[in-house]
Structures are given as C-alpha cells and as structure tokens.
Amino acid sequence: MKKMNNKGFTLMELLIVVAIIAVLIAIAIPVLNNQLEKSREAVDAANIRSAYAEVSVAFLTGEGDLTKTVNLKQRTNEWQNADFKAADAFPVAQTNEPKKDGTCTVEANEETGEVTITFSTD
C-alpha cells in the first residue's frame, strides 16, 4: 500500500493564523494613529517656533512682517503631546489651545516687542 502524502495546512490552521493577524492589526492601528497625530503636532510646534523666530527677527531689524500665520496639520483639538502642554514648550505663553484644522498666529507688538501666539479656526 502506498502512504498518502498530506502536505500543507488544514483549513482550521489557516483560520487561526488569519484570526491572530486580525487581532494584531486591531491593536496596531490605534497605536499608529496616535503616533501619526504626535508627529503632526511636532510639525506644528516646529512651524510655530520658526514663525516666532521670523517675527522676532523682523521686530529686531525693523524689516519684515510682524505677523506670521501657520496652518496647523493636527487633526485633534488641543495638544495630545504632554511636552507641548508644558509652560516652557514655547518661547511665549499660549493664549489658548490649538484647534483641529485651525491656524496659529504669531504676532509681535510694534511698541513693546511682546510676541503672542494665538490659535483659531478658519
């Protein structure tokens, strides 16, 4: 008698592998979305700091625009990253929290040179 050669996976084994992969994906997607939002906030923070530097230079040299507007990339209201909530995260105090699909205006007062950061929605 010839022995049957049963190579391969059973249907049950394949279903178990698919179920494990689905659970791993279900866990990974929220983590990935959270990290993407933190990266968007980091881009926003860098752009705000850059606008602050531009406004400060414009005030000190007397040339250029004393107001810069930054279009925010983040998709949630307020900062999700605790580092940006800290009081020393930005060179000046924030007047309010960032908004989803909003803008940030960095403005220097012509008389005092005081720079303010204001978040708003379009």
Protein backbone atom coordinates (compact mmCIF):
# COMPACT_ATOMS: atom_id res chain seq x y z
CA MET A 1 0.00 0.00 0.00
CA LYS A 2 1.12 3.46 -0.78
CA LYS A 3 1.00 6.02 2.02
CA MET A 4 -0.89 9.28 1.21
CA ASN A 5 1.24 12.38 1.27
CA ASN A 6 -0.75 15.04 3.13
CA LYS A 7 1.33 18.17 2.82
CA GLY A 8 0.07 21.66 3.57
CA PHE A 9 -2.10 23.35 6.13
CA THR A 10 -5.60 22.49 7.20
CA LEU A 11 -8.39 24.99 6.90
CA MET A 12 -8.53 25.33 10.68
CA GLU A 13 -4.83 26.20 10.90
CA LEU A 14 -5.24 28.89 8.24
CA LEU A 15 -8.26 30.37 10.03
CA ILE A 16 -6.33 30.55 13.29
CA VAL A 17 -3.43 32.35 11.59
CA VAL A 18 -5.83 34.83 9.97
CA ALA A 19 -7.53 35.47 13.33
CA ILE A 20 -4.18 36.13 15.04
CA ILE A 21 -3.16 38.55 12.31
CA ALA A 22 -6.53 40.36 12.59
CA VAL A 23 -6.07 40.79 16.36
CA LEU A 24 -2.55 42.16 15.88
CA ILE A 25 -3.78 44.64 13.29
CA ALA A 26 -6.64 45.73 15.55
CA ILE A 27 -4.09 46.50 18.26
CA ALA A 28 -1.61 48.23 15.93
CA ILE A 29 -3.96 50.67 14.17
CA PRO A 30 -4.81 52.87 17.20
CA VAL A 31 -1.15 52.99 18.21
CA LEU A 32 -0.18 54.02 14.70
CA ASN A 33 -2.86 56.74 14.59
CA ASN A 34 -1.67 58.10 17.93
CA GLN A 35 1.92 58.28 16.70
CA LEU A 36 0.82 59.98 13.46
CA GLU A 37 -1.02 62.64 15.47
CA LYS A 38 2.04 63.23 17.65
CA SER A 39 4.16 63.68 14.53
CA ARG A 40 1.65 66.20 13.12
CA GLU A 41 1.83 68.11 16.41
CA ALA A 42 5.64 68.07 16.27
CA VAL A 43 5.49 69.58 12.78
CA ASP A 44 3.06 72.24 14.03
CA ALA A 45 5.29 73.05 17.00
CA ALA A 46 8.36 73.37 14.77
CA ASN A 47 6.48 75.65 12.37
CA ILE A 48 5.26 77.81 15.27
CA ARG A 49 8.80 78.13 16.65
CA SER A 50 10.03 79.07 13.17
CA ALA A 51 7.32 81.72 12.85
CA TYR A 52 8.29 83.03 16.29
CA ALA A 53 11.91 83.35 15.14
CA GLU A 54 10.88 85.15 11.94
CA VAL A 55 8.66 87.61 13.82
CA SER A 56 11.39 88.26 16.40
CA VAL A 57 13.97 88.96 13.71
CA ALA A 58 11.53 91.23 11.87
CA PHE A 59 10.97 93.21 15.07
CA LEU A 60 14.66 93.47 15.92
CA THR A 61 15.74 94.52 12.43
CA GLY A 62 12.71 96.68 11.75
CA GLU A 63 12.22 94.93 8.41
CA GLY A 64 9.58 92.42 7.51
CA ASP A 65 6.17 91.36 8.69
CA LEU A 66 5.44 91.31 12.42
CA THR A 67 2.67 88.75 11.95
CA LYS A 68 3.03 85.17 10.71
CA THR A 69 0.23 82.64 10.28
CA VAL A 70 0.83 78.90 10.47
CA ASN A 71 -1.73 76.44 9.12
CA LEU A 72 -1.98 73.60 11.62
CA LYS A 73 -1.71 70.00 10.46
CA GLN A 74 -3.07 68.28 13.56
CA ARG A 75 -6.46 66.58 13.41
CA THR A 76 -7.50 66.83 17.05
CA ASN A 77 -8.22 69.76 19.32
CA GLU A 78 -5.61 70.71 21.92
CA TRP A 79 -2.12 69.25 22.28
CA GLN A 80 -2.03 65.48 22.74
CA ASN A 81 1.70 65.54 23.47
CA ALA A 82 2.40 66.44 27.11
CA ASP A 83 5.66 68.19 26.14
CA PHE A 84 3.74 70.86 24.21
CA LYS A 85 1.35 71.44 27.12
CA ALA A 86 4.25 72.41 29.38
CA ALA A 87 4.70 76.07 30.21
CA ASP A 88 8.22 76.18 28.77
CA ALA A 89 7.40 74.40 25.50
CA PHE A 90 7.23 77.66 23.56
CA PRO A 91 9.17 80.92 23.93
CA VAL A 92 5.99 82.78 24.95
CA ALA A 93 2.77 81.81 26.66
CA GLN A 94 -0.01 80.43 24.52
CA THR A 95 -3.24 82.37 24.70
CA ASN A 96 -5.34 79.25 24.04
CA GLU A 97 -5.13 75.68 22.74
CA PRO A 98 -4.77 74.65 19.08
CA LYS A 99 -7.88 73.59 17.16
CA LYS A 100 -8.39 70.90 14.56
CA ASP A 101 -7.77 72.28 11.04
CA GLY A 102 -7.04 75.68 12.58
CA THR A 103 -4.36 78.30 12.30
CA CYS A 104 -1.82 79.80 14.63
CA THR A 105 -0.99 83.49 14.50
CA VAL A 106 2.37 84.63 15.87
CA GLU A 107 2.40 88.38 16.30
CA ALA A 108 4.81 90.95 17.75
CA ASN A 109 3.58 94.17 19.30
CA GLU A 110 5.30 97.07 17.48
CA GLU A 111 5.70 99.15 20.64
CA THR A 112 6.70 96.58 23.23
CA GLY A 113 8.09 93.77 21.09
CA GLU A 114 5.99 91.28 23.03
CA VAL A 115 5.21 88.22 20.93
CA THR A 116 1.88 86.41 21.27
CA ILE A 117 0.74 83.04 19.96
CA THR A 118 -2.98 82.76 19.22
CA PHE A 119 -4.77 79.66 17.91
CA SER A 120 -8.01 79.93 15.95
CA THR A 121 -10.18 78.11 13.46
CA ASP A 122 -10.67 79.33 9.92
